[in-house]
Amino acid sequence: MALASDSQGPASSAAHTRCFHCGLDVPDGARYPVTFEGREEPTCCPGCQAVAGAIIEHGLGAYYHHRDAAPAESGHPLIPEELRELELFDHPGVQQQFVASAGDGGNRREAALMLEGITCAACVWLNERHVQALPGVESFRVNYSTHRAQVVWDPERIALSDILKAIRDIGYHAHPYDPGTREQAIARERGLALRRIAVAALGMMQVMMLAVALWLGAEDTEHEDLLQFMRWVAAALTTPVVLYSAIPFYQSAWRDLRHWQLGMDVPVSLAIIVTYLASLYAVILGTGEHVYFESVVMFVFFLLTSRYLE
């Protein structure tokens, strides 16, 4: 689905046309088209263009076939993009694509969701505990290996968008489960993980070579200037590993601390940061006695690799 530029151009015709999303008249000179089922459809404003684009991009274009004859709510006033996208999932026409009855003859609803950002079993535990505490949610289970979640809720007590917002509030992203979307998300996460591992591996190899030289020359007082230079080089090579490769540990630790939890990434992040800063402080002072950059890069590399293999 391609969105055209928001810039205004000449009106396509003298007669007023109806907005594809909300049904209002498209103002003269306004051009905010969206592409739906191979056709270019007009919308009246950037808000309606963004809403229609979000519906189509999420594979929920059937909404425009099933919606009521009454026009949809206009994109004005604009609200944050993420909030608008989540509220789309409350519309009955959209929910026809992925929501079913819970099967007990009652009013309960059931849906399969895809969660992004899951890195460990603690993430699963946090999401399950957080969502199940919401009033109206009767069941929420996450499969760690597939990142697929199954949620059962009472629509009279809580809206699906509120469940999705609650998941966003703790730093994760959820959307209707779709095999194609899942594969894209996994491929995206896998590519990013490999880049982080590559940076950590390159840093580890270089820093370890310097560490061996520093160990062998620890008693060589005649070349202290050279040894100090090598420590500075090791610090420089370790910095990208700490500031880029280790980011997933910091993000997970911050999520845990924000919700007063102590997941395993909290001590991991603490170990990385403290060891790096202590070693850097020793280099700045010129002591060279307590420099452990090789331990930092090895720690990050092996943790990232083990999580990727897992």
Protein backbone atom coordinates (compact mmCIF):
# COMPACT_ATOMS: atom_id res chain seq x y z
CA MET A 1 0.00 0.00 0.00
CA ALA A 2 1.48 3.31 -1.04
CA LEU A 3 0.58 6.66 0.44
CA ALA A 4 1.02 9.73 -1.68
CA SER A 5 2.70 12.87 -0.46
CA ASP A 6 0.68 15.13 1.79
CA SER A 7 1.42 18.06 -0.47
CA GLN A 8 -1.64 19.58 -2.09
CA GLY A 9 -2.08 19.68 -5.83
CA PRO A 10 -4.77 20.55 -8.36
CA ALA A 11 -8.19 19.05 -7.79
CA SER A 12 -8.82 16.04 -9.94
CA SER A 13 -12.28 17.27 -10.95
CA ALA A 14 -14.55 20.23 -10.46
CA ALA A 15 -17.22 18.17 -8.70
CA HIS A 16 -16.81 17.30 -5.04
CA THR A 17 -15.95 13.69 -4.33
CA ARG A 18 -16.55 11.78 -1.14
CA CYS A 19 -13.76 10.82 1.24
CA PHE A 20 -13.09 7.09 0.99
CA HIS A 21 -12.76 6.81 4.77
CA CYS A 22 -15.20 9.20 6.46
CA GLY A 23 -17.57 10.03 3.59
CA LEU A 24 -17.24 13.81 3.86
CA ASP A 25 -16.61 16.04 0.86
CA VAL A 26 -13.00 16.27 -0.29
CA PRO A 27 -12.07 19.99 -0.28
CA ASP A 28 -11.01 21.64 -3.52
CA GLY A 29 -7.26 21.36 -4.03
CA ALA A 30 -6.81 18.59 -1.47
CA ARG A 31 -5.03 15.47 -2.62
CA TYR A 32 -4.53 12.72 -0.05
CA PRO A 33 -5.06 9.44 -1.95
CA VAL A 34 -4.71 5.89 -0.68
CA THR A 35 -4.40 2.73 -2.76
CA PHE A 36 -7.01 0.07 -2.01
CA GLU A 37 -7.32 -3.17 -3.99
CA GLY A 38 -5.38 -1.64 -6.86
CA ARG A 39 -7.52 1.50 -7.02
CA GLU A 40 -6.58 5.00 -5.94
CA GLU A 41 -9.20 6.33 -3.53
CA PRO A 42 -9.48 9.96 -2.33
CA THR A 43 -9.49 11.07 1.31
CA CYS A 44 -10.26 14.52 2.65
CA CYS A 45 -7.31 15.16 4.99
CA PRO A 46 -4.02 13.72 6.30
CA GLY A 47 -5.90 12.28 9.28
CA CYS A 48 -8.25 10.16 7.16
CA GLN A 49 -5.36 9.22 4.87
CA ALA A 50 -3.36 7.97 7.87
CA VAL A 51 -6.33 6.04 9.32
CA ALA A 52 -7.20 4.41 6.00
CA GLY A 53 -3.54 3.67 5.37
CA ALA A 54 -3.18 2.03 8.78
CA ILE A 55 -6.23 -0.18 8.14
CA ILE A 56 -4.99 -1.31 4.74
CA GLU A 57 -1.37 -1.76 5.80
CA HIS A 58 -2.43 -4.08 8.61
CA GLY A 59 -4.22 -6.33 6.11
CA LEU A 60 -7.63 -5.27 7.41
CA GLY A 61 -8.99 -3.67 4.25
CA ALA A 62 -12.07 -5.90 4.46
CA TYR A 63 -13.29 -3.33 6.99
CA TYR A 64 -14.37 -1.14 4.08
CA HIS A 65 -16.53 -3.98 2.72
CA HIS A 66 -18.18 -4.83 6.05
CA ARG A 67 -18.61 -1.44 7.72
CA ASP A 68 -22.01 0.16 8.21
CA ALA A 69 -23.43 2.55 5.66
CA ALA A 70 -22.87 5.42 8.10
CA PRO A 71 -19.62 7.31 7.49
CA ALA A 72 -16.64 6.56 9.67
CA GLU A 73 -15.37 9.06 12.19
CA SER A 74 -13.23 11.72 10.53
CA GLY A 75 -9.51 11.91 11.13
CA HIS A 76 -9.99 15.27 12.83
CA PRO A 77 -8.85 16.07 15.42
CA LEU A 78 -5.57 14.28 15.01
CA ILE A 79 -4.47 12.00 17.82
CA PRO A 80 -1.15 10.15 18.28
CA GLU A 81 -0.59 7.65 15.48
CA GLU A 82 -0.14 4.61 17.69
CA LEU A 83 -3.30 5.36 19.66
CA ARG A 84 -5.31 5.73 16.46
CA GLU A 85 -4.04 2.43 15.08
CA LEU A 86 -4.92 0.56 18.28
CA GLU A 87 -8.45 1.95 18.43
CA LEU A 88 -9.09 0.63 14.91
CA PHE A 89 -9.09 -2.88 16.34
CA ASP A 90 -12.26 -2.16 18.34
CA HIS A 91 -14.39 -1.80 15.20
CA PRO A 92 -16.62 -4.87 14.57
CA GLY A 93 -15.76 -4.86 10.88
CA VAL A 94 -12.05 -5.08 11.68
CA GLN A 95 -12.52 -7.70 14.40
CA GLN A 96 -14.28 -10.02 11.94
CA GLN A 97 -10.83 -10.83 10.58
CA PHE A 98 -9.24 -12.23 13.74
CA VAL A 99 -11.69 -12.28 16.70
CA ALA A 100 -13.97 -15.23 17.48
CA SER A 101 -16.42 -16.19 20.19
CA ALA A 102 -14.84 -17.99 23.13
CA GLY A 103 -17.18 -20.90 22.42
CA ASP A 104 -19.00 -21.08 25.76
CA GLY A 105 -22.21 -19.50 24.51
CA GLY A 106 -21.53 -16.26 26.35
CA ASN A 107 -20.33 -12.87 25.25
CA ARG A 108 -16.65 -13.58 25.69
CA ARG A 109 -14.28 -13.01 22.79
CA GLU A 110 -11.01 -14.73 21.86
CA ALA A 111 -8.16 -13.54 19.64
CA ALA A 112 -4.65 -14.58 18.67
CA LEU A 113 -2.03 -11.86 18.94
CA MET A 114 1.60 -11.57 17.88
CA LEU A 115 3.96 -10.06 20.47
CA GLU A 116 7.16 -8.28 19.46
CA GLY A 117 10.00 -7.66 21.89
CA ILE A 118 9.91 -11.03 23.70
CA THR A 119 13.50 -12.03 24.55
CA CYS A 120 13.23 -14.43 27.48
CA ALA A 121 10.84 -16.33 29.70
CA ALA A 122 10.71 -13.35 32.05
CA CYS A 123 9.18 -11.29 29.25
CA VAL A 124 6.44 -13.88 28.90
CA TRP A 125 5.83 -13.88 32.63
CA LEU A 126 5.65 -10.07 32.76
CA ASN A 127 3.18 -9.83 29.90
CA GLU A 128 0.94 -12.58 31.24
CA ARG A 129 0.87 -11.13 34.72
CA HIS A 130 0.29 -7.56 33.53
CA VAL A 131 -2.51 -8.34 31.09
CA GLN A 132 -4.31 -10.87 33.28
CA ALA A 133 -4.54 -8.20 35.99
CA LEU A 134 -6.72 -6.04 33.72
CA PRO A 135 -10.43 -6.09 34.63
CA GLY A 136 -12.32 -7.98 31.95
CA VAL A 137 -9.40 -10.13 30.79
CA GLU A 138 -10.15 -13.75 31.65
CA SER A 139 -7.13 -15.46 30.09
CA PHE A 140 -3.86 -14.41 28.49
CA ARG A 141 -1.21 -16.95 27.54
CA VAL A 142 2.00 -16.40 25.56
CA ASN A 143 3.94 -19.07 23.69
CA TYR A 144 7.61 -18.26 24.22
CA SER A 145 8.89 -20.08 21.13
CA THR A 146 6.41 -18.54 18.65
CA HIS A 147 5.68 -15.23 20.48
CA ARG A 148 2.00 -15.93 19.86
CA ALA A 149 -0.49 -14.90 22.54
CA GLN A 150 -4.05 -16.11 23.08
CA VAL A 151 -6.35 -13.68 24.89
CA VAL A 152 -9.92 -14.17 26.12
CA TRP A 153 -11.82 -11.12 27.35
CA ASP A 154 -15.26 -9.72 28.09
CA PRO A 155 -15.95 -6.87 25.60
CA GLU A 156 -18.53 -5.36 27.95
CA ARG A 157 -15.82 -4.72 30.56
CA ILE A 158 -12.73 -3.96 28.46
CA ALA A 159 -11.99 -3.06 24.86
CA LEU A 160 -9.39 -4.90 22.82
CA SER A 161 -7.55 -1.61 22.22
CA ASP A 162 -7.16 -1.19 25.99
CA ILE A 163 -5.47 -4.60 26.14
CA LEU A 164 -3.12 -3.63 23.31
CA LYS A 165 -2.39 -0.29 25.02
CA ALA A 166 -1.57 -2.10 28.27
CA ILE A 167 0.97 -4.22 26.40
CA ARG A 168 2.46 -1.08 24.81
CA ASP A 169 2.69 0.51 28.27
CA ILE A 170 5.22 -2.11 29.39
CA GLY A 171 7.37 -1.73 26.29
CA TYR A 172 6.07 -4.50 24.00
CA HIS A 173 4.06 -4.42 20.80
CA ALA A 174 1.05 -6.58 19.99
CA HIS A 175 -1.00 -6.92 16.83
CA PRO A 176 -3.36 -9.52 15.35
CA TYR A 177 -1.58 -12.77 14.62
CA ASP A 178 -0.79 -13.34 10.98
CA PRO A 179 1.75 -15.94 9.74
CA GLY A 180 3.22 -13.53 7.18
CA THR A 181 3.52 -10.70 9.69
CA ARG A 182 5.10 -13.09 12.18
CA GLU A 183 7.75 -14.18 9.68
CA GLN A 184 8.53 -10.56 8.85
CA ALA A 185 8.88 -9.68 12.54
CA ILE A 186 11.12 -12.68 13.18
CA ALA A 187 13.29 -11.86 10.17
CA ARG A 188 13.60 -8.25 11.33
CA GLU A 189 14.57 -9.27 14.87
CA ARG A 190 16.98 -11.92 13.57
CA GLY A 191 18.76 -9.41 11.31
CA LEU A 192 19.17 -6.90 14.13
CA ALA A 193 20.42 -9.61 16.50
CA LEU A 194 23.03 -10.75 13.97
CA ARG A 195 24.32 -7.20 13.55
CA ARG A 196 24.69 -6.81 17.30
CA ILE A 197 26.48 -10.16 17.52
CA ALA A 198 28.81 -9.19 14.65
CA VAL A 199 29.83 -5.96 16.39
CA ALA A 200 30.39 -7.83 19.65
CA ALA A 201 32.42 -10.57 17.91
CA LEU A 202 34.64 -8.07 16.12
CA GLY A 203 35.23 -6.14 19.33
CA MET A 204 35.94 -9.33 21.27
CA MET A 205 38.57 -10.55 18.81
CA GLN A 206 40.44 -7.26 18.79
CA VAL A 207 40.23 -6.63 22.52
CA MET A 208 41.34 -10.17 23.34
CA MET A 209 44.49 -9.75 21.23
CA LEU A 210 45.28 -6.56 23.13
CA ALA A 211 44.49 -8.26 26.44
CA VAL A 212 47.01 -11.04 25.74
CA ALA A 213 49.69 -8.47 25.00
CA LEU A 214 48.84 -6.57 28.18
CA TRP A 215 48.97 -9.75 30.25
CA LEU A 216 52.36 -10.77 28.86
CA GLY A 217 53.79 -7.28 29.28
CA ALA A 218 52.34 -6.55 32.70
CA GLU A 219 55.81 -6.54 34.31
CA ASP A 220 57.49 -4.59 31.50
CA THR A 221 58.00 -1.16 33.02
CA GLU A 222 60.15 0.03 30.14
CA HIS A 223 57.20 0.11 27.72
CA GLU A 224 54.51 1.50 30.00
CA ASP A 225 53.57 4.20 27.48
CA LEU A 226 52.90 1.54 24.85
CA LEU A 227 50.87 -0.53 27.30
CA GLN A 228 48.81 2.53 28.25
CA PHE A 229 48.15 3.25 24.58
CA MET A 230 46.93 -0.32 24.12
CA ARG A 231 44.55 0.12 27.06
CA TRP A 232 43.07 3.20 25.41
CA VAL A 233 42.63 1.26 22.15
CA ALA A 234 40.89 -1.55 24.07
CA ALA A 235 38.57 1.02 25.68
CA ALA A 236 37.73 2.47 22.26
CA LEU A 237 36.99 -0.98 20.81
CA THR A 238 34.82 -1.94 23.79
CA THR A 239 32.69 1.21 23.61
CA PRO A 240 30.61 0.19 20.51
CA VAL A 241 29.93 -3.18 22.09
CA VAL A 242 28.68 -1.56 25.29
CA LEU A 243 26.69 1.20 23.57
CA TYR A 244 25.23 -0.82 20.67
CA SER A 245 25.45 -4.60 21.07
CA ALA A 246 24.29 -4.58 24.69
CA ILE A 247 21.24 -2.37 24.07
CA PRO A 248 18.72 -5.29 24.36
CA PHE A 249 19.89 -5.96 27.93
CA TYR A 250 19.43 -2.31 28.90
CA GLN A 251 15.96 -2.13 27.34
CA SER A 252 14.78 -5.26 29.11
CA ALA A 253 16.30 -4.13 32.41
CA TRP A 254 14.61 -0.72 32.13
CA ARG A 255 11.22 -2.37 31.50
CA ASP A 256 11.70 -4.49 34.61
CA LEU A 257 12.77 -1.58 36.82
CA ARG A 258 9.88 0.60 35.63
CA HIS A 259 7.48 -2.03 36.93
CA TRP A 260 9.43 -2.83 40.08
CA GLN A 261 10.57 -6.20 38.80
CA LEU A 262 14.05 -7.74 38.96
CA GLY A 263 14.46 -9.78 35.79
CA MET A 264 17.73 -11.42 34.86
CA ASP A 265 18.72 -8.53 32.58
CA VAL A 266 18.98 -6.14 35.55
CA PRO A 267 22.14 -7.77 37.00
CA VAL A 268 23.44 -8.39 33.47
CA SER A 269 23.16 -4.70 32.59
CA LEU A 270 24.64 -3.71 35.93
CA ALA A 271 27.63 -6.02 35.39
CA ILE A 272 28.31 -4.65 31.91
CA ILE A 273 28.05 -0.98 32.86
CA VAL A 274 29.97 -1.20 36.15
CA THR A 275 32.82 -3.27 34.70
CA TYR A 276 33.15 -0.98 31.69
CA LEU A 277 33.09 2.23 33.73
CA ALA A 278 35.51 0.84 36.34
CA SER A 279 37.95 -0.22 33.63
CA LEU A 280 37.64 3.12 31.85
CA TYR A 281 38.27 4.93 35.15
CA ALA A 282 41.44 2.86 35.68
CA VAL A 283 42.68 3.77 32.19
CA ILE A 284 42.01 7.48 32.79
CA LEU A 285 43.97 7.33 36.03
CA GLY A 286 46.76 5.48 34.25
CA THR A 287 46.99 2.69 36.82
CA GLY A 288 46.33 -0.19 34.44
CA GLU A 289 45.86 -2.63 37.31
CA HIS A 290 42.13 -3.24 37.00
CA VAL A 291 41.20 -3.19 33.32
CA TYR A 292 38.66 -5.81 32.25
CA PHE A 293 37.50 -4.75 28.80
CA GLU A 294 37.99 -8.28 27.46
CA SER A 295 35.58 -9.59 30.10
CA VAL A 296 32.93 -7.08 29.05
CA VAL A 297 33.05 -7.89 25.32
CA MET A 298 33.17 -11.65 25.93
CA PHE A 299 30.23 -11.43 28.33
CA VAL A 300 28.10 -9.49 25.82
CA PHE A 301 29.09 -11.72 22.89
CA PHE A 302 28.32 -15.02 24.61
CA LEU A 303 25.01 -13.79 26.03
CA LEU A 304 23.84 -12.46 22.68
CA THR A 305 24.91 -15.64 20.90
CA SER A 306 23.18 -17.91 23.43
CA ARG A 307 19.94 -15.92 23.14
CA TYR A 308 20.08 -16.00 19.37
CA LEU A 309 20.60 -19.78 19.34
CA GLU A 310 17.83 -20.19 21.89
